[in-house]
Amino acid sequence: MQPTDVTVEILKSIRDEVQGLRADVHGLSAEVHGTNDRLDGTNDRLDGTNDRLDGTNDRLGRLERRQTETEVRLSTELVAVVGAVREVRDLLREDLGLRARVEDHERRITAVETRVG
């Protein structure tokens, strides 16, 4: 069987298309490699961001513990201040009660001195 001009042309056309596909595959391969390189860069940046977030979370944890410790100390001191205020209040009440008695005694002494005097 002898090749015809049509057969040769079809074969040439197929050959050209295969070569074009190979070129397209090589181009896609380069694009895929470029995309992979960009993804690797993005992953590296994300890893850095995650490291910074971990550091931030650690600092926030320490801050939270210090805040809690401060609140406990303040609460303890506040209880002590409340106790001191109650003692002062009780002393003032006692002083007011004594003041009334002293004034009564002063009036009575003045009355006695006036009669005796």
Foldseek 3Di string as FASTA:
>chain_A
DDDDPVNVVVVVVVVVVVVVVVVVVVVVVVVVVVVVVVVVVVVVVVVVVVVVVVVVVVVVVVVVVVVVVVVVVVVVVVVVVVVVVVVVVVVVVVVVVVVVVVVVVVVVVVVVVVVVD
